[in-house]
Amino acid sequence: MAKAIGVDIGGTGIKAGIVDLEHGVMASDRVRVPTPEGASPQDVLNAVQTVLKTLDVHESTLPLGVAFPAIVKRGKTLSAANVSKEWIDFDAERFFRDGLGRNIVFVNDADAAGVAEARHGAARDVRGFTLLTTLGTGIGSAFLYDGVLLPNTELGHLNFREFESVETYAATSARERENLSWAEWAERLQAFYSHIEFLFSPDLFVVGGGVSKNAGDFLPLLDLKTPIVPAIHRNNSGIIGAASLAGD
């Protein structure tokens, strides 16, 4: 069985696991540590080393993929959402490669989730345009056309009403911060999804992130022309996608 390691760095947690590449499922327990306060590069690297040691793969030769919440181009992080501003224009792939002492594949976290859902999840064999969003500390997005990824879309940072970024208004963190009911939060999601539905006319919405395990509490409250479904791999999509790309 072909395997690879996936690491998913988020605004609140850093998760990792071993992935069965043939079936696109976890082949180990998922391990998690909190994202260090401030999320500076060195502190995040230390946390990644911790989860790899916990998995007992810190000396493994399995392919390793790392998913990160930023625009990623040719190994550099060009933005910094919910992490230190030190990541802007930072050679992150080389930093992790040197710090971990091994080759890695470094990718945007929502793009990794999109790859997982396109290969082994809710977007598998879907023709046309699938638009995946991850709802968490922020809002990530991935564009997939006939299963092919168009990387580094950032719909969570659309200006929306009086908000500089729509994720400030509609991410899971906004629901938790403002203690919104599912119905109140769904009204905000309705505004967000209706807007991007008008802009992009997708054939399918896939909703990932940790809150996707509660999809039944809010997705039925949305009224859209486009079908909208939860991610099959829920909050493991980033791990599975990062590992899948590393195994290519």
Protein backbone atom coordinates (compact mmCIF):
# COMPACT_ATOMS: atom_id res chain seq x y z
CA MET A 1 0.00 0.00 0.00
CA ALA A 2 1.47 3.35 -1.09
CA LYS A 3 1.52 5.87 1.75
CA ALA A 4 2.52 9.47 2.37
CA ILE A 5 2.46 11.89 5.28
CA GLY A 6 0.21 14.94 5.33
CA VAL A 7 0.50 17.98 7.60
CA ASP A 8 -2.25 20.62 7.70
CA ILE A 9 -1.32 23.92 9.34
CA GLY A 10 -4.31 26.02 10.37
CA GLY A 11 -4.98 29.17 12.31
CA THR A 12 -5.85 27.27 15.50
CA GLY A 13 -4.42 23.76 15.05
CA ILE A 14 -1.70 21.80 13.29
CA LYS A 15 -2.79 18.30 12.27
CA ALA A 16 -0.93 15.39 10.70
CA GLY A 17 -1.43 11.80 9.67
CA ILE A 18 -0.31 9.00 7.39
CA VAL A 19 -2.47 8.57 4.28
CA ASP A 20 -3.28 5.55 2.15
CA LEU A 21 -2.74 7.05 -1.30
CA GLU A 22 -4.63 4.38 -3.23
CA HIS A 23 -7.90 4.92 -1.38
CA GLY A 24 -7.36 8.49 -0.17
CA VAL A 25 -8.07 7.69 3.49
CA MET A 26 -6.21 8.03 6.76
CA ALA A 27 -3.89 5.10 7.46
CA SER A 28 -3.11 6.31 11.00
CA ASP A 29 -4.71 8.23 13.79
CA ARG A 30 -4.71 11.98 13.32
CA VAL A 31 -2.51 13.91 15.71
CA ARG A 32 -3.03 17.56 16.55
CA VAL A 33 -1.33 20.33 18.49
CA PRO A 34 -2.50 23.93 18.91
CA THR A 35 -1.02 26.43 16.49
CA PRO A 36 1.52 28.47 18.50
CA GLU A 37 0.37 31.93 19.48
CA GLY A 38 1.56 34.39 16.84
CA ALA A 39 2.36 31.52 14.44
CA SER A 40 5.89 32.67 13.59
CA PRO A 41 7.83 30.47 11.15
CA GLN A 42 10.17 28.96 13.76
CA ASP A 43 7.37 28.24 16.23
CA VAL A 44 5.26 26.60 13.52
CA LEU A 45 8.23 24.50 12.38
CA ASN A 46 8.76 23.35 15.97
CA ALA A 47 5.09 22.35 16.20
CA VAL A 48 5.32 20.41 12.93
CA GLN A 49 8.36 18.57 14.27
CA THR A 50 6.30 17.69 17.35
CA VAL A 51 3.41 16.16 15.39
CA LEU A 52 5.81 14.18 13.19
CA LYS A 53 7.53 12.80 16.28
CA THR A 54 4.17 11.96 17.83
CA LEU A 55 3.30 10.02 14.66
CA ASP A 56 6.76 8.41 14.82
CA VAL A 57 7.50 9.48 11.24
CA HIS A 58 10.14 12.13 11.94
CA GLU A 59 12.79 9.86 10.40
CA SER A 60 10.48 8.30 7.79
CA THR A 61 11.31 8.34 4.08
CA LEU A 62 7.64 8.51 3.09
CA PRO A 63 6.69 11.51 0.90
CA LEU A 64 5.63 14.51 2.99
CA GLY A 65 3.15 17.23 2.03
CA VAL A 66 2.52 20.38 4.07
CA ALA A 67 -0.64 22.47 3.66
CA PHE A 68 -0.56 26.10 4.81
CA PRO A 69 -3.11 28.98 4.95
CA ALA A 70 -1.49 31.34 2.46
CA ILE A 71 -1.01 31.99 -1.23
CA VAL A 72 1.83 29.64 -2.21
CA LYS A 73 3.83 30.23 -5.40
CA ARG A 74 6.98 28.28 -6.22
CA GLY A 75 7.45 27.47 -2.56
CA LYS A 76 7.01 31.03 -1.29
CA THR A 77 4.14 32.20 0.91
CA LEU A 78 2.84 35.50 -0.45
CA SER A 79 0.15 36.23 2.13
CA ALA A 80 -0.46 35.67 5.84
CA ALA A 81 -4.02 34.97 6.92
CA ASN A 82 -4.36 34.21 10.64
CA VAL A 83 -0.58 33.69 11.01
CA SER A 84 2.45 35.95 11.53
CA LYS A 85 3.16 38.60 8.91
CA GLU A 86 6.68 37.12 8.77
CA TRP A 87 5.26 34.60 6.28
CA ILE A 88 4.70 37.25 3.61
CA ASP A 89 7.18 36.76 0.76
CA PHE A 90 8.84 33.98 2.76
CA ASP A 91 10.65 30.99 1.23
CA ALA A 92 8.54 28.58 3.27
CA GLU A 93 9.17 25.39 1.33
CA ARG A 94 12.94 25.76 1.66
CA PHE A 95 12.56 26.72 5.34
CA PHE A 96 10.61 23.53 6.09
CA ARG A 97 12.84 21.40 3.90
CA ASP A 98 15.92 22.61 5.75
CA GLY A 99 14.27 22.47 9.16
CA LEU A 100 12.92 18.96 8.69
CA GLY A 101 15.99 17.73 6.82
CA ARG A 102 14.01 16.25 3.93
CA ASN A 103 12.17 17.05 0.71
CA ILE A 104 8.58 18.23 1.03
CA VAL A 105 5.70 19.48 -1.12
CA PHE A 106 4.26 22.78 0.15
CA VAL A 107 0.74 23.86 -0.87
CA ASN A 108 -2.15 26.14 0.06
CA ASP A 109 -4.40 24.42 2.61
CA ALA A 110 -7.71 24.88 0.78
CA ASP A 111 -6.11 23.73 -2.48
CA ALA A 112 -4.96 20.57 -0.66
CA ALA A 113 -8.51 20.00 0.57
CA GLY A 114 -9.79 20.48 -2.97
CA VAL A 115 -7.38 17.88 -4.33
CA ALA A 116 -8.51 15.39 -1.67
CA GLU A 117 -12.18 15.92 -2.51
CA ALA A 118 -11.55 15.79 -6.28
CA ARG A 119 -9.60 12.54 -6.11
CA HIS A 120 -11.40 10.66 -3.37
CA GLY A 121 -14.31 12.71 -2.07
CA ALA A 122 -17.39 14.77 -2.83
CA ALA A 123 -16.01 16.22 -6.10
CA ARG A 124 -14.77 12.94 -7.56
CA ASP A 125 -15.90 12.45 -11.19
CA VAL A 126 -17.84 15.74 -11.09
CA ARG A 127 -17.86 17.43 -14.50
CA GLY A 128 -17.56 21.18 -14.79
CA PHE A 129 -16.71 23.65 -12.06
CA THR A 130 -16.57 22.59 -8.40
CA LEU A 131 -16.01 25.37 -5.88
CA LEU A 132 -14.79 24.11 -2.51
CA THR A 133 -14.76 26.33 0.56
CA THR A 134 -13.26 25.53 3.94
CA LEU A 135 -14.96 27.16 6.90
CA GLY A 136 -12.74 27.55 9.95
CA THR A 137 -10.61 30.31 11.46
CA GLY A 138 -10.92 31.90 8.02
CA ILE A 139 -12.53 30.89 4.71
CA GLY A 140 -10.38 29.05 2.19
CA SER A 141 -11.37 28.26 -1.39
CA ALA A 142 -10.35 25.88 -4.14
CA PHE A 143 -11.42 25.94 -7.80
CA LEU A 144 -11.61 22.61 -9.62
CA TYR A 145 -12.61 22.19 -13.25
CA ASP A 146 -13.18 18.59 -14.34
CA GLY A 147 -11.01 17.68 -11.34
CA VAL A 148 -8.12 19.96 -12.32
CA LEU A 149 -7.06 22.48 -9.67
CA LEU A 150 -6.72 26.22 -10.37
CA PRO A 151 -4.53 27.16 -7.37
CA ASN A 152 -4.42 30.12 -5.02
CA THR A 153 -7.92 31.51 -5.08
CA GLU A 154 -8.72 33.59 -2.00
CA LEU A 155 -12.48 34.08 -1.83
CA GLY A 156 -12.34 34.47 1.93
CA HIS A 157 -10.67 37.82 1.38
CA LEU A 158 -13.36 39.32 -0.82
CA ASN A 159 -14.43 42.74 0.37
CA PHE A 160 -18.01 42.27 1.56
CA ARG A 161 -20.36 44.97 2.77
CA GLU A 162 -18.44 46.91 5.42
CA PHE A 163 -15.96 44.08 5.97
CA GLU A 164 -12.48 44.09 4.48
CA SER A 165 -12.64 40.27 4.28
CA VAL A 166 -15.83 38.24 4.14
CA GLU A 167 -14.25 35.64 6.44
CA THR A 168 -14.47 38.20 9.26
CA TYR A 169 -18.24 38.08 8.75
CA ALA A 170 -18.96 34.47 7.82
CA ALA A 171 -16.16 32.11 8.94
CA THR A 172 -16.73 29.56 11.69
CA SER A 173 -14.64 31.78 13.95
CA ALA A 174 -17.21 34.57 13.50
CA ARG A 175 -20.03 32.22 14.55
CA GLU A 176 -18.10 31.22 17.66
CA ARG A 177 -16.88 34.72 18.49
CA GLU A 178 -20.36 36.23 18.25
CA ASN A 179 -22.15 33.18 19.68
CA LEU A 180 -24.45 32.97 16.65
CA SER A 181 -27.11 30.29 16.36
CA TRP A 182 -26.95 27.97 13.35
CA ALA A 183 -29.83 29.90 11.78
CA GLU A 184 -28.15 33.27 12.35
CA TRP A 185 -24.89 32.00 10.91
CA ALA A 186 -26.71 30.45 7.94
CA GLU A 187 -28.03 33.90 7.04
CA ARG A 188 -24.45 35.10 6.70
CA LEU A 189 -23.44 32.02 4.72
CA GLN A 190 -26.45 32.58 2.47
CA ALA A 191 -25.19 36.07 1.63
CA PHE A 192 -21.66 34.77 0.96
CA TYR A 193 -22.61 31.76 -1.14
CA SER A 194 -25.25 33.67 -3.10
CA HIS A 195 -22.63 36.27 -3.97
CA ILE A 196 -19.99 33.81 -5.19
CA GLU A 197 -22.67 31.74 -6.94
CA PHE A 198 -23.58 34.84 -8.96
CA LEU A 199 -19.93 35.61 -9.71
CA PHE A 200 -18.79 32.13 -10.76
CA SER A 201 -21.85 29.97 -11.62
CA PRO A 202 -20.36 26.74 -10.19
CA ASP A 203 -21.79 23.29 -10.83
CA LEU A 204 -21.18 22.14 -7.25
CA PHE A 205 -20.28 23.64 -3.88
CA VAL A 206 -18.31 21.47 -1.45
CA VAL A 207 -18.03 22.68 2.14
CA GLY A 208 -15.06 21.56 4.21
CA GLY A 209 -13.42 22.52 7.48
CA GLY A 210 -14.13 21.20 10.95
CA VAL A 211 -17.69 22.54 10.98
CA SER A 212 -18.57 20.28 8.03
CA LYS A 213 -19.24 17.51 10.57
CA ASN A 214 -22.26 19.65 11.58
CA ALA A 215 -23.40 20.16 7.98
CA GLY A 216 -26.93 19.06 8.80
CA ASP A 217 -27.31 22.04 11.14
CA PHE A 218 -26.72 24.72 8.52
CA LEU A 219 -26.54 23.48 4.89
CA PRO A 220 -30.30 22.69 4.72
CA LEU A 221 -30.96 26.32 5.70
CA LEU A 222 -29.28 27.64 2.53
CA ASP A 223 -31.29 28.41 -0.60
CA LEU A 224 -29.02 28.19 -3.65
CA LYS A 225 -29.37 27.19 -7.29
CA THR A 226 -26.15 25.18 -7.03
CA PRO A 227 -26.03 21.85 -5.16
CA ILE A 228 -24.05 22.22 -1.92
CA VAL A 229 -22.65 19.21 -0.04
CA PRO A 230 -20.22 18.60 2.82
CA ALA A 231 -16.69 17.40 2.14
CA ILE A 232 -16.44 13.62 2.44
CA HIS A 233 -13.17 13.84 4.34
CA ARG A 234 -14.39 16.64 6.61
CA ASN A 235 -11.47 18.22 8.47
CA ASN A 236 -8.98 15.60 7.22
CA SER A 237 -9.15 16.89 3.63
CA GLY A 238 -6.06 19.09 4.02
CA ILE A 239 -3.97 16.21 5.38
CA ILE A 240 -5.14 13.83 2.65
CA GLY A 241 -4.66 16.35 -0.15
CA ALA A 242 -1.20 17.40 0.99
CA ALA A 243 -0.12 13.76 1.21
CA SER A 244 -1.66 12.99 -2.20
CA LEU A 245 0.27 15.80 -3.86
CA ALA A 246 3.49 14.69 -2.15
CA GLY A 247 2.92 11.18 -3.46
CA ASP A 248 2.48 12.27 -7.10
